[in-house]
Amino acid sequence: QVQLVESGGGLVQPGGSLSLSCAASGVIFSPYYMGWYRQAPGKQRELVADIASGGSTNYANSVKGRFIISRDNAKNTVYLQMNSLKPEDTAVYYCNRVTLLKWPWGQGTQVTVSS
């Protein structure tokens, strides 16, 4: 059974930074595209960044230049460094593989950007 555990969220002021982690267990995730998703209240879950096994990355326009996704295949962990945070980044953040068929979602980690 695959389990995803996200951590690192919190309350931060606009312009601040946070670093998120997502650890996967029950699977060797190195072959998979991995992504960070977020879901704000009343909105659909959206993909904000993804990373291939070899390290190439893609970002949603809304976070490009501010967020950095990375991975450590040896640790089965994917990271999201979030800089210059804005109130509109407030959401629950999740990781998962970037395929039509997803692994079971983790509990996510809440990010709140507010003064």
N, C-alpha and C. Protein backbone atom coordinates (compact mmCIF):
# COMPACT_ATOMS: atom_id res chain seq x y z
N GLN A 1 0.85 -1.19 0.00
CA GLN A 1 0.00 0.00 0.00
C GLN A 1 0.89 1.24 0.00
N VAL A 2 0.69 2.09 -0.99
CA VAL A 2 1.47 3.33 -1.07
C VAL A 2 0.93 4.33 -0.07
N GLN A 3 1.83 4.97 0.62
CA GLN A 3 1.44 6.02 1.55
C GLN A 3 2.28 7.27 1.27
N LEU A 4 1.60 8.41 1.18
CA LEU A 4 2.26 9.70 0.96
C LEU A 4 2.03 10.56 2.20
N VAL A 5 3.12 11.13 2.72
CA VAL A 5 3.03 11.96 3.91
C VAL A 5 3.68 13.30 3.63
N GLU A 6 2.85 14.35 3.60
CA GLU A 6 3.32 15.71 3.36
C GLU A 6 3.56 16.42 4.69
N SER A 7 4.55 17.31 4.70
CA SER A 7 4.85 18.08 5.91
C SER A 7 5.50 19.40 5.52
N GLY A 8 5.56 20.31 6.49
CA GLY A 8 6.28 21.56 6.31
C GLY A 8 5.41 22.79 6.14
N GLY A 9 4.10 22.61 6.10
CA GLY A 9 3.23 23.76 5.95
C GLY A 9 3.17 24.61 7.21
N GLY A 10 2.44 25.71 7.11
CA GLY A 10 2.30 26.60 8.26
C GLY A 10 1.74 27.94 7.86
N LEU A 11 1.81 28.86 8.79
CA LEU A 11 1.35 30.23 8.57
C LEU A 11 2.56 31.11 8.29
N VAL A 12 2.50 31.87 7.21
CA VAL A 12 3.62 32.72 6.83
C VAL A 12 3.07 34.04 6.30
N GLN A 13 3.84 35.10 6.48
CA GLN A 13 3.43 36.40 5.97
C GLN A 13 3.69 36.49 4.47
N PRO A 14 2.95 37.35 3.79
CA PRO A 14 3.24 37.57 2.36
C PRO A 14 4.70 37.93 2.16
N GLY A 15 5.30 37.35 1.13
CA GLY A 15 6.71 37.55 0.85
C GLY A 15 7.62 36.54 1.53
N GLY A 16 7.07 35.75 2.41
CA GLY A 16 7.86 34.77 3.13
C GLY A 16 8.09 33.49 2.35
N SER A 17 8.74 32.53 3.01
CA SER A 17 9.10 31.26 2.37
C SER A 17 8.71 30.08 3.25
N LEU A 18 8.45 28.98 2.59
CA LEU A 18 8.22 27.70 3.27
C LEU A 18 8.83 26.59 2.44
N SER A 19 9.21 25.52 3.11
CA SER A 19 9.75 24.36 2.42
C SER A 19 8.91 23.14 2.78
N LEU A 20 8.32 22.52 1.77
CA LEU A 20 7.48 21.35 1.97
C LEU A 20 8.23 20.07 1.60
N SER A 21 7.87 18.99 2.28
CA SER A 21 8.43 17.68 1.96
C SER A 21 7.30 16.68 1.80
N CYS A 22 7.54 15.67 0.98
CA CYS A 22 6.57 14.59 0.81
C CYS A 22 7.35 13.29 0.73
N ALA A 23 7.10 12.42 1.69
CA ALA A 23 7.78 11.14 1.74
C ALA A 23 6.82 10.04 1.29
N ALA A 24 7.29 9.19 0.40
CA ALA A 24 6.49 8.08 -0.11
C ALA A 24 7.01 6.77 0.48
N SER A 25 6.09 5.93 0.89
CA SER A 25 6.46 4.59 1.37
C SER A 25 5.60 3.55 0.65
N GLY A 26 6.09 2.32 0.63
CA GLY A 26 5.35 1.25 -0.02
C GLY A 26 5.55 1.20 -1.53
N VAL A 27 6.47 1.99 -2.04
CA VAL A 27 6.71 2.05 -3.48
C VAL A 27 8.11 2.60 -3.72
N ILE A 28 8.70 2.20 -4.82
CA ILE A 28 9.93 2.84 -5.29
C ILE A 28 9.49 3.87 -6.31
N PHE A 29 9.58 5.15 -5.93
CA PHE A 29 8.94 6.16 -6.76
C PHE A 29 9.86 6.76 -7.82
N SER A 30 11.11 6.27 -7.87
CA SER A 30 12.06 6.89 -8.79
C SER A 30 11.63 6.87 -10.26
N PRO A 31 10.89 5.89 -10.75
CA PRO A 31 10.53 5.92 -12.18
C PRO A 31 9.44 6.93 -12.54
N TYR A 32 8.80 7.50 -11.52
CA TYR A 32 7.59 8.27 -11.77
C TYR A 32 7.82 9.78 -11.81
N TYR A 33 7.04 10.44 -12.72
CA TYR A 33 6.87 11.87 -12.61
C TYR A 33 6.16 12.11 -11.28
N MET A 34 6.67 13.03 -10.50
CA MET A 34 6.04 13.40 -9.24
C MET A 34 5.61 14.86 -9.30
N GLY A 35 4.52 15.15 -8.64
CA GLY A 35 4.02 16.51 -8.68
C GLY A 35 3.55 17.00 -7.32
N TRP A 36 3.55 18.31 -7.19
CA TRP A 36 2.91 18.97 -6.05
C TRP A 36 1.61 19.59 -6.56
N TYR A 37 0.54 19.31 -5.84
CA TYR A 37 -0.78 19.82 -6.14
C TYR A 37 -1.23 20.70 -4.97
N ARG A 38 -2.22 21.54 -5.23
CA ARG A 38 -2.80 22.30 -4.14
C ARG A 38 -4.29 22.45 -4.37
N GLN A 39 -5.00 22.59 -3.25
CA GLN A 39 -6.44 22.80 -3.32
C GLN A 39 -6.82 23.89 -2.35
N ALA A 40 -7.32 24.98 -2.89
CA ALA A 40 -7.80 26.08 -2.07
C ALA A 40 -9.29 25.87 -1.79
N PRO A 41 -9.80 26.48 -0.72
CA PRO A 41 -11.22 26.31 -0.40
C PRO A 41 -12.13 26.68 -1.56
N GLY A 42 -13.04 25.78 -1.89
CA GLY A 42 -13.99 26.05 -2.96
C GLY A 42 -13.44 25.90 -4.36
N LYS A 43 -12.19 25.44 -4.47
CA LYS A 43 -11.58 25.31 -5.79
C LYS A 43 -11.15 23.87 -6.03
N GLN A 44 -10.93 23.54 -7.29
CA GLN A 44 -10.46 22.21 -7.64
C GLN A 44 -8.97 22.08 -7.35
N ARG A 45 -8.55 20.86 -7.12
CA ARG A 45 -7.13 20.59 -6.92
C ARG A 45 -6.40 20.88 -8.23
N GLU A 46 -5.25 21.54 -8.14
CA GLU A 46 -4.48 21.88 -9.32
C GLU A 46 -3.03 21.47 -9.15
N LEU A 47 -2.41 21.14 -10.28
CA LEU A 47 -1.00 20.79 -10.30
C LEU A 47 -0.19 22.08 -10.37
N VAL A 48 0.75 22.28 -9.46
CA VAL A 48 1.54 23.50 -9.48
C VAL A 48 2.97 23.27 -9.94
N ALA A 49 3.50 22.05 -9.77
CA ALA A 49 4.86 21.77 -10.21
C ALA A 49 5.03 20.27 -10.36
N ASP A 50 5.85 19.88 -11.33
CA ASP A 50 6.15 18.46 -11.45
C ASP A 50 7.61 18.26 -11.82
N ILE A 51 8.08 17.05 -11.57
CA ILE A 51 9.49 16.74 -11.79
C ILE A 51 9.62 15.31 -12.29
N ALA A 52 10.38 15.16 -13.36
CA ALA A 52 10.63 13.84 -13.92
C ALA A 52 11.67 13.09 -13.09
N SER A 53 11.79 11.82 -13.37
CA SER A 53 12.76 11.02 -12.65
C SER A 53 14.17 11.58 -12.79
N GLY A 54 14.46 12.09 -13.97
CA GLY A 54 15.78 12.64 -14.23
C GLY A 54 15.99 14.05 -13.75
N GLY A 55 14.91 14.68 -13.30
CA GLY A 55 15.06 16.01 -12.71
C GLY A 55 14.51 17.18 -13.50
N SER A 56 14.03 16.95 -14.72
CA SER A 56 13.45 18.09 -15.46
C SER A 56 12.14 18.50 -14.80
N THR A 57 11.87 19.78 -14.83
CA THR A 57 10.75 20.33 -14.07
C THR A 57 9.81 21.16 -14.93
N ASN A 58 8.58 21.29 -14.45
CA ASN A 58 7.59 22.16 -15.06
C ASN A 58 6.83 22.86 -13.94
N TYR A 59 6.38 24.08 -14.22
CA TYR A 59 5.66 24.85 -13.22
C TYR A 59 4.43 25.50 -13.82
N ALA A 60 3.41 25.62 -13.00
CA ALA A 60 2.26 26.41 -13.39
C ALA A 60 2.69 27.87 -13.47
N ASN A 61 2.06 28.62 -14.36
CA ASN A 61 2.43 30.02 -14.53
C ASN A 61 2.30 30.81 -13.23
N SER A 62 1.36 30.42 -12.40
CA SER A 62 1.10 31.16 -11.17
C SER A 62 2.24 31.06 -10.16
N VAL A 63 3.10 30.05 -10.30
CA VAL A 63 4.18 29.87 -9.33
C VAL A 63 5.57 29.93 -9.96
N LYS A 64 5.62 30.06 -11.27
CA LYS A 64 6.90 30.05 -11.97
C LYS A 64 7.78 31.19 -11.48
N GLY A 65 9.02 30.86 -11.19
CA GLY A 65 9.96 31.86 -10.70
C GLY A 65 9.94 32.03 -9.19
N ARG A 66 8.96 31.41 -8.53
CA ARG A 66 8.85 31.54 -7.07
C ARG A 66 9.01 30.19 -6.36
N PHE A 67 8.54 29.12 -6.99
CA PHE A 67 8.59 27.79 -6.39
C PHE A 67 9.67 26.96 -7.08
N ILE A 68 10.27 26.06 -6.31
CA ILE A 68 11.26 25.13 -6.86
C ILE A 68 10.95 23.73 -6.37
N ILE A 69 10.75 22.81 -7.32
CA ILE A 69 10.50 21.41 -6.96
C ILE A 69 11.79 20.63 -7.13
N SER A 70 12.02 19.70 -6.23
CA SER A 70 13.19 18.83 -6.32
C SER A 70 12.84 17.47 -5.75
N ARG A 71 13.72 16.52 -5.93
CA ARG A 71 13.45 15.16 -5.44
C ARG A 71 14.74 14.49 -5.03
N ASP A 72 14.61 13.55 -4.11
CA ASP A 72 15.71 12.69 -3.70
C ASP A 72 15.21 11.26 -3.85
N ASN A 73 15.56 10.61 -4.94
CA ASN A 73 15.04 9.28 -5.21
C ASN A 73 15.52 8.26 -4.18
N ALA A 74 16.69 8.47 -3.63
CA ALA A 74 17.21 7.55 -2.62
C ALA A 74 16.36 7.60 -1.35
N LYS A 75 15.75 8.75 -1.10
CA LYS A 75 14.92 8.92 0.10
C LYS A 75 13.43 8.83 -0.21
N ASN A 76 13.10 8.57 -1.48
CA ASN A 76 11.67 8.51 -1.85
C ASN A 76 10.94 9.77 -1.42
N THR A 77 11.59 10.91 -1.60
CA THR A 77 11.04 12.18 -1.11
C THR A 77 11.09 13.24 -2.20
N VAL A 78 10.03 14.02 -2.26
CA VAL A 78 9.97 15.16 -3.17
C VAL A 78 9.75 16.42 -2.33
N TYR A 79 10.34 17.52 -2.77
CA TYR A 79 10.33 18.76 -2.01
C TYR A 79 9.73 19.89 -2.83
N LEU A 80 9.26 20.90 -2.13
CA LEU A 80 8.79 22.12 -2.78
C LEU A 80 9.25 23.31 -1.96
N GLN A 81 10.17 24.07 -2.52
CA GLN A 81 10.61 25.30 -1.89
C GLN A 81 9.75 26.43 -2.43
N MET A 82 9.07 27.11 -1.53
CA MET A 82 8.14 28.16 -1.93
C MET A 82 8.66 29.50 -1.42
N ASN A 83 8.92 30.41 -2.33
CA ASN A 83 9.43 31.74 -2.00
C ASN A 83 8.45 32.81 -2.46
N SER A 84 8.63 34.00 -1.93
CA SER A 84 7.79 35.14 -2.31
C SER A 84 6.31 34.77 -2.27
N LEU A 85 5.91 34.17 -1.18
CA LEU A 85 4.55 33.66 -1.07
C LEU A 85 3.53 34.79 -1.09
N LYS A 86 2.38 34.47 -1.70
CA LYS A 86 1.28 35.42 -1.83
C LYS A 86 0.04 34.86 -1.14
N PRO A 87 -0.90 35.71 -0.76
CA PRO A 87 -2.13 35.19 -0.14
C PRO A 87 -2.84 34.16 -1.02
N GLU A 88 -2.76 34.31 -2.32
CA GLU A 88 -3.43 33.37 -3.21
C GLU A 88 -2.74 32.00 -3.26
N ASP A 89 -1.60 31.86 -2.61
CA ASP A 89 -0.97 30.55 -2.49
C ASP A 89 -1.56 29.73 -1.34
N THR A 90 -2.44 30.34 -0.56
CA THR A 90 -3.07 29.65 0.55
C THR A 90 -3.88 28.46 0.04
N ALA A 91 -3.57 27.28 0.58
CA ALA A 91 -4.21 26.04 0.11
C ALA A 91 -3.66 24.88 0.93
N VAL A 92 -4.27 23.72 0.74
CA VAL A 92 -3.68 22.48 1.23
C VAL A 92 -2.84 21.91 0.09
N TYR A 93 -1.61 21.58 0.40
CA TYR A 93 -0.67 21.09 -0.61
C TYR A 93 -0.49 19.58 -0.47
N TYR A 94 -0.52 18.91 -1.61
CA TYR A 94 -0.39 17.46 -1.68
C TYR A 94 0.67 17.08 -2.72
N CYS A 95 1.23 15.91 -2.57
CA CYS A 95 2.06 15.37 -3.64
C CYS A 95 1.42 14.08 -4.14
N ASN A 96 1.76 13.73 -5.36
CA ASN A 96 1.30 12.48 -5.95
C ASN A 96 2.04 12.28 -7.26
N ARG A 97 1.92 11.13 -7.82
CA ARG A 97 2.50 10.93 -9.13
C ARG A 97 1.65 11.63 -10.18
N VAL A 98 2.28 12.00 -11.27
CA VAL A 98 1.58 12.75 -12.31
C VAL A 98 1.16 11.77 -13.39
N THR A 99 0.15 11.01 -13.09
CA THR A 99 -0.43 10.05 -14.02
C THR A 99 -1.93 10.11 -13.85
N LEU A 100 -2.64 9.52 -14.81
CA LEU A 100 -4.10 9.53 -14.72
C LEU A 100 -4.54 8.77 -13.46
N LEU A 101 -3.91 7.65 -13.22
CA LEU A 101 -4.22 6.87 -12.03
C LEU A 101 -3.27 7.29 -10.92
N LYS A 102 -3.83 7.86 -9.87
CA LYS A 102 -3.02 8.38 -8.77
C LYS A 102 -2.88 7.34 -7.68
N TRP A 103 -1.87 7.51 -6.86
CA TRP A 103 -1.79 6.79 -5.60
C TRP A 103 -2.81 7.39 -4.62
N PRO A 104 -3.12 6.70 -3.53
CA PRO A 104 -4.01 7.29 -2.53
C PRO A 104 -3.45 8.62 -2.03
N TRP A 105 -4.30 9.64 -1.95
CA TRP A 105 -3.83 10.94 -1.51
C TRP A 105 -3.47 10.91 -0.03
N GLY A 106 -2.43 11.65 0.33
CA GLY A 106 -2.09 11.85 1.72
C GLY A 106 -3.01 12.87 2.35
N GLN A 107 -2.67 13.24 3.57
CA GLN A 107 -3.52 14.21 4.29
C GLN A 107 -3.24 15.64 3.87
N GLY A 108 -2.15 15.84 3.17
CA GLY A 108 -1.78 17.19 2.75
C GLY A 108 -1.20 18.00 3.89
N THR A 109 -0.68 19.17 3.53
CA THR A 109 -0.15 20.09 4.53
C THR A 109 -0.68 21.48 4.22
N GLN A 110 -1.22 22.13 5.25
CA GLN A 110 -1.87 23.43 5.07
C GLN A 110 -0.83 24.54 4.98
N VAL A 111 -0.95 25.36 3.96
CA VAL A 111 -0.15 26.57 3.82
C VAL A 111 -1.09 27.77 3.85
N THR A 112 -0.83 28.66 4.78
CA THR A 112 -1.65 29.87 4.90
C THR A 112 -0.74 31.08 4.81
N VAL A 113 -1.03 31.95 3.85
CA VAL A 113 -0.24 33.16 3.66
C VAL A 113 -1.12 34.35 4.03
N SER A 114 -0.76 34.98 5.12
CA SER A 114 -1.59 36.05 5.64
C SER A 114 -0.78 36.96 6.54
N SER A 115 -1.15 38.23 6.54
CA SER A 115 -0.49 39.16 7.45
C SER A 115 -1.30 39.32 8.74
